[in-house]
Amino acid sequence: MAAPGSATDARPQSHVRLVVAVGAEQRHVALRRDVVLGDALRAALVPIDDPATLVLDSAGQRLDVRAAVGRQVADGGALHVVRPAPRPRRH
């Protein structure tokens, strides 16, 4: 008998475990598959509200922060939050 959630278990997992990389920081989270990605990132205090911010998977594909995490990210995946550089200060 396979352990729940193992590679040989035929049932879909109810959660997605992933790593979110924001600059040099990493956050490890487990989310229900139906949770909206943007809501989860905001709850984890990941700043994504700047329109120039990108959320990418490990292959560099842009993810839709309005869609459910389970429709876009496989269990054990990594997300990369790319934020725009701050504007240079003029003196």
N, C-alpha and C. Protein backbone atom coordinates (compact mmCIF):
# COMPACT_ATOMS: atom_id res chain seq x y z
N MET A 1 0.85 -1.19 0.00
CA MET A 1 0.00 0.00 0.00
C MET A 1 0.89 1.24 0.00
N ALA A 2 0.58 2.18 -0.86
CA ALA A 2 1.39 3.41 -0.98
C ALA A 2 1.01 4.40 0.11
N ALA A 3 1.98 5.17 0.53
CA ALA A 3 1.72 6.22 1.52
C ALA A 3 0.93 7.34 0.86
N PRO A 4 -0.01 7.96 1.60
CA PRO A 4 -0.78 9.07 1.01
C PRO A 4 0.16 10.15 0.50
N GLY A 5 -0.10 10.61 -0.74
CA GLY A 5 0.71 11.66 -1.32
C GLY A 5 1.99 11.20 -1.96
N SER A 6 2.31 9.91 -1.88
CA SER A 6 3.54 9.41 -2.48
C SER A 6 3.37 9.31 -3.99
N ALA A 7 4.48 9.11 -4.69
CA ALA A 7 4.45 9.06 -6.16
C ALA A 7 3.59 7.90 -6.66
N THR A 8 3.41 6.86 -5.86
CA THR A 8 2.63 5.71 -6.31
C THR A 8 1.18 5.79 -5.85
N ASP A 9 0.83 6.79 -5.08
CA ASP A 9 -0.54 6.99 -4.63
C ASP A 9 -1.32 7.65 -5.77
N ALA A 10 -2.44 7.06 -6.21
CA ALA A 10 -3.18 7.56 -7.37
C ALA A 10 -4.09 8.75 -7.02
N ARG A 11 -4.34 9.01 -5.75
CA ARG A 11 -5.23 10.11 -5.38
C ARG A 11 -4.51 11.44 -5.54
N PRO A 12 -5.23 12.48 -6.03
CA PRO A 12 -4.60 13.79 -6.11
C PRO A 12 -4.40 14.36 -4.71
N GLN A 13 -3.32 15.08 -4.53
CA GLN A 13 -3.06 15.68 -3.23
C GLN A 13 -3.97 16.88 -3.02
N SER A 14 -4.38 17.10 -1.79
CA SER A 14 -5.26 18.22 -1.49
C SER A 14 -4.48 19.52 -1.31
N HIS A 15 -3.17 19.41 -1.14
CA HIS A 15 -2.33 20.59 -0.95
C HIS A 15 -1.18 20.62 -1.95
N VAL A 16 -0.67 21.81 -2.16
CA VAL A 16 0.52 22.01 -2.98
C VAL A 16 1.57 22.62 -2.07
N ARG A 17 2.72 21.95 -1.98
CA ARG A 17 3.83 22.48 -1.20
C ARG A 17 4.78 23.18 -2.17
N LEU A 18 5.20 24.38 -1.82
CA LEU A 18 6.10 25.09 -2.71
C LEU A 18 7.01 26.04 -1.96
N VAL A 19 8.02 26.49 -2.67
CA VAL A 19 8.97 27.47 -2.15
C VAL A 19 8.74 28.76 -2.93
N VAL A 20 8.65 29.87 -2.22
CA VAL A 20 8.49 31.17 -2.86
C VAL A 20 9.78 31.94 -2.62
N ALA A 21 10.44 32.31 -3.70
CA ALA A 21 11.69 33.08 -3.62
C ALA A 21 11.39 34.53 -3.93
N VAL A 22 11.76 35.39 -2.97
CA VAL A 22 11.61 36.84 -3.14
C VAL A 22 12.97 37.44 -2.85
N GLY A 23 13.71 37.78 -3.90
CA GLY A 23 15.08 38.26 -3.69
C GLY A 23 15.89 37.15 -3.06
N ALA A 24 16.56 37.47 -1.96
CA ALA A 24 17.38 36.49 -1.25
C ALA A 24 16.58 35.67 -0.25
N GLU A 25 15.31 36.02 -0.04
CA GLU A 25 14.46 35.31 0.92
C GLU A 25 13.75 34.13 0.27
N GLN A 26 13.51 33.10 1.07
CA GLN A 26 12.70 31.97 0.63
C GLN A 26 11.64 31.70 1.68
N ARG A 27 10.44 31.41 1.23
CA ARG A 27 9.35 31.05 2.13
C ARG A 27 8.79 29.71 1.68
N HIS A 28 8.68 28.79 2.60
CA HIS A 28 8.13 27.46 2.32
C HIS A 28 6.68 27.46 2.77
N VAL A 29 5.77 27.14 1.87
CA VAL A 29 4.36 27.17 2.19
C VAL A 29 3.66 25.92 1.66
N ALA A 30 2.55 25.60 2.28
CA ALA A 30 1.66 24.53 1.79
C ALA A 30 0.28 25.17 1.66
N LEU A 31 -0.31 25.02 0.49
CA LEU A 31 -1.59 25.65 0.20
C LEU A 31 -2.59 24.63 -0.31
N ARG A 32 -3.87 24.85 0.01
CA ARG A 32 -4.91 24.06 -0.64
C ARG A 32 -4.85 24.36 -2.13
N ARG A 33 -5.15 23.40 -2.93
CA ARG A 33 -5.06 23.55 -4.39
C ARG A 33 -5.99 24.62 -4.94
N ASP A 34 -7.10 24.91 -4.22
CA ASP A 34 -8.08 25.88 -4.71
C ASP A 34 -7.82 27.31 -4.27
N VAL A 35 -6.78 27.55 -3.51
CA VAL A 35 -6.47 28.89 -3.03
C VAL A 35 -5.95 29.74 -4.20
N VAL A 36 -6.44 30.97 -4.29
CA VAL A 36 -5.98 31.90 -5.33
C VAL A 36 -4.53 32.30 -5.01
N LEU A 37 -3.66 32.17 -5.99
CA LEU A 37 -2.23 32.39 -5.78
C LEU A 37 -1.94 33.77 -5.21
N GLY A 38 -2.52 34.82 -5.75
CA GLY A 38 -2.27 36.17 -5.25
C GLY A 38 -2.69 36.35 -3.81
N ASP A 39 -3.84 35.79 -3.43
CA ASP A 39 -4.31 35.88 -2.04
C ASP A 39 -3.32 35.20 -1.10
N ALA A 40 -2.82 34.04 -1.51
CA ALA A 40 -1.87 33.31 -0.68
C ALA A 40 -0.56 34.08 -0.53
N LEU A 41 -0.08 34.66 -1.61
CA LEU A 41 1.17 35.42 -1.55
C LEU A 41 1.01 36.66 -0.67
N ARG A 42 -0.11 37.35 -0.80
CA ARG A 42 -0.35 38.53 0.06
C ARG A 42 -0.43 38.11 1.53
N ALA A 43 -1.08 36.99 1.82
CA ALA A 43 -1.19 36.51 3.20
C ALA A 43 0.18 36.15 3.77
N ALA A 44 1.11 35.73 2.90
CA ALA A 44 2.48 35.41 3.32
C ALA A 44 3.36 36.66 3.31
N LEU A 45 2.72 37.83 3.13
CA LEU A 45 3.40 39.12 3.11
C LEU A 45 4.41 39.25 1.98
N VAL A 46 4.08 38.62 0.86
CA VAL A 46 4.91 38.76 -0.34
C VAL A 46 4.35 39.95 -1.12
N PRO A 47 5.17 40.97 -1.35
CA PRO A 47 4.67 42.17 -2.03
C PRO A 47 4.50 41.95 -3.54
N ILE A 48 3.24 41.84 -3.97
CA ILE A 48 2.98 41.57 -5.40
C ILE A 48 2.07 42.61 -6.03
N ASP A 49 1.72 43.67 -5.32
CA ASP A 49 0.72 44.59 -5.83
C ASP A 49 1.25 45.62 -6.83
N ASP A 50 2.55 45.76 -6.96
CA ASP A 50 3.10 46.64 -8.00
C ASP A 50 2.82 45.99 -9.35
N PRO A 51 2.22 46.71 -10.30
CA PRO A 51 1.89 46.10 -11.59
C PRO A 51 3.10 45.54 -12.34
N ALA A 52 4.30 46.01 -12.04
CA ALA A 52 5.50 45.52 -12.72
C ALA A 52 6.05 44.24 -12.09
N THR A 53 5.48 43.81 -10.98
CA THR A 53 5.94 42.59 -10.31
C THR A 53 5.50 41.37 -11.11
N LEU A 54 6.42 40.42 -11.27
CA LEU A 54 6.13 39.18 -11.98
C LEU A 54 6.21 38.01 -11.01
N VAL A 55 5.34 37.04 -11.19
CA VAL A 55 5.42 35.78 -10.45
C VAL A 55 5.66 34.70 -11.50
N LEU A 56 6.79 34.03 -11.38
CA LEU A 56 7.22 33.06 -12.38
C LEU A 56 7.41 31.69 -11.76
N ASP A 57 7.24 30.63 -12.57
CA ASP A 57 7.60 29.30 -12.10
C ASP A 57 9.07 29.06 -12.43
N SER A 58 9.56 27.89 -12.10
CA SER A 58 10.99 27.60 -12.30
C SER A 58 11.41 27.59 -13.76
N ALA A 59 10.46 27.41 -14.67
CA ALA A 59 10.78 27.42 -16.10
C ALA A 59 10.71 28.83 -16.68
N GLY A 60 10.38 29.81 -15.84
CA GLY A 60 10.30 31.18 -16.30
C GLY A 60 8.95 31.57 -16.87
N GLN A 61 7.95 30.69 -16.72
CA GLN A 61 6.61 30.98 -17.21
C GLN A 61 5.88 31.89 -16.21
N ARG A 62 5.25 32.92 -16.72
CA ARG A 62 4.50 33.84 -15.85
C ARG A 62 3.25 33.14 -15.32
N LEU A 63 3.00 33.29 -14.04
CA LEU A 63 1.82 32.68 -13.40
C LEU A 63 0.75 33.74 -13.21
N ASP A 64 -0.50 33.31 -13.24
CA ASP A 64 -1.64 34.20 -13.06
C ASP A 64 -1.96 34.25 -11.57
N VAL A 65 -1.76 35.41 -10.94
CA VAL A 65 -2.00 35.53 -9.50
C VAL A 65 -3.49 35.51 -9.19
N ARG A 66 -4.36 35.57 -10.20
CA ARG A 66 -5.81 35.52 -9.99
C ARG A 66 -6.36 34.11 -10.06
N ALA A 67 -5.51 33.14 -10.42
CA ALA A 67 -5.96 31.76 -10.60
C ALA A 67 -5.55 30.89 -9.40
N ALA A 68 -6.20 29.75 -9.29
CA ALA A 68 -5.89 28.82 -8.20
C ALA A 68 -4.48 28.26 -8.35
N VAL A 69 -3.81 28.11 -7.22
CA VAL A 69 -2.43 27.63 -7.24
C VAL A 69 -2.34 26.22 -7.81
N GLY A 70 -3.30 25.36 -7.52
CA GLY A 70 -3.26 23.98 -7.98
C GLY A 70 -3.42 23.82 -9.48
N ARG A 71 -3.91 24.83 -10.16
CA ARG A 71 -4.05 24.78 -11.62
C ARG A 71 -2.75 25.17 -12.32
N GLN A 72 -1.79 25.72 -11.56
CA GLN A 72 -0.59 26.27 -12.18
C GLN A 72 0.72 25.70 -11.68
N VAL A 73 0.72 25.21 -10.45
CA VAL A 73 1.97 24.81 -9.80
C VAL A 73 1.87 23.37 -9.33
N ALA A 74 2.87 22.57 -9.66
CA ALA A 74 2.93 21.19 -9.19
C ALA A 74 3.44 21.16 -7.75
N ASP A 75 3.06 20.13 -7.02
CA ASP A 75 3.56 19.94 -5.66
C ASP A 75 5.08 19.91 -5.68
N GLY A 76 5.70 20.65 -4.77
CA GLY A 76 7.15 20.71 -4.68
C GLY A 76 7.76 21.77 -5.59
N GLY A 77 6.93 22.56 -6.23
CA GLY A 77 7.42 23.57 -7.17
C GLY A 77 8.04 24.77 -6.47
N ALA A 78 8.65 25.61 -7.29
CA ALA A 78 9.25 26.85 -6.80
C ALA A 78 8.67 28.02 -7.58
N LEU A 79 8.36 29.08 -6.87
CA LEU A 79 7.89 30.31 -7.48
C LEU A 79 8.95 31.39 -7.26
N HIS A 80 9.05 32.28 -8.21
CA HIS A 80 10.00 33.37 -8.12
C HIS A 80 9.23 34.67 -8.30
N VAL A 81 9.33 35.55 -7.30
CA VAL A 81 8.68 36.85 -7.38
C VAL A 81 9.75 37.85 -7.78
N VAL A 82 9.55 38.46 -8.95
CA VAL A 82 10.51 39.41 -9.49
C VAL A 82 9.89 40.80 -9.40
N ARG A 83 10.55 41.64 -8.61
CA ARG A 83 10.04 42.99 -8.40
C ARG A 83 10.91 43.99 -9.14
N PRO A 84 10.32 45.11 -9.55
CA PRO A 84 11.12 46.12 -10.25
C PRO A 84 12.14 46.74 -9.31
N ALA A 85 13.25 47.13 -9.87
CA ALA A 85 14.28 47.81 -9.07
C ALA A 85 13.76 49.18 -8.66
N PRO A 86 14.17 49.64 -7.49
CA PRO A 86 13.74 50.99 -7.08
C PRO A 86 14.32 52.04 -8.01
N ARG A 87 13.62 53.11 -8.17
CA ARG A 87 14.12 54.20 -8.99
C ARG A 87 15.31 54.85 -8.30
N PRO A 88 16.28 55.24 -9.08
CA PRO A 88 17.43 55.92 -8.47
C PRO A 88 17.01 57.27 -7.91
N ARG A 89 17.58 57.60 -6.79
CA ARG A 89 17.28 58.91 -6.19
C ARG A 89 18.12 59.96 -6.88
N ARG A 90 17.49 61.05 -7.16
CA ARG A 90 18.21 62.18 -7.77
C ARG A 90 18.57 63.18 -6.67
N HIS A 91 19.78 63.63 -6.72
CA HIS A 91 20.23 64.58 -5.69
C HIS A 91 20.27 65.97 -6.23
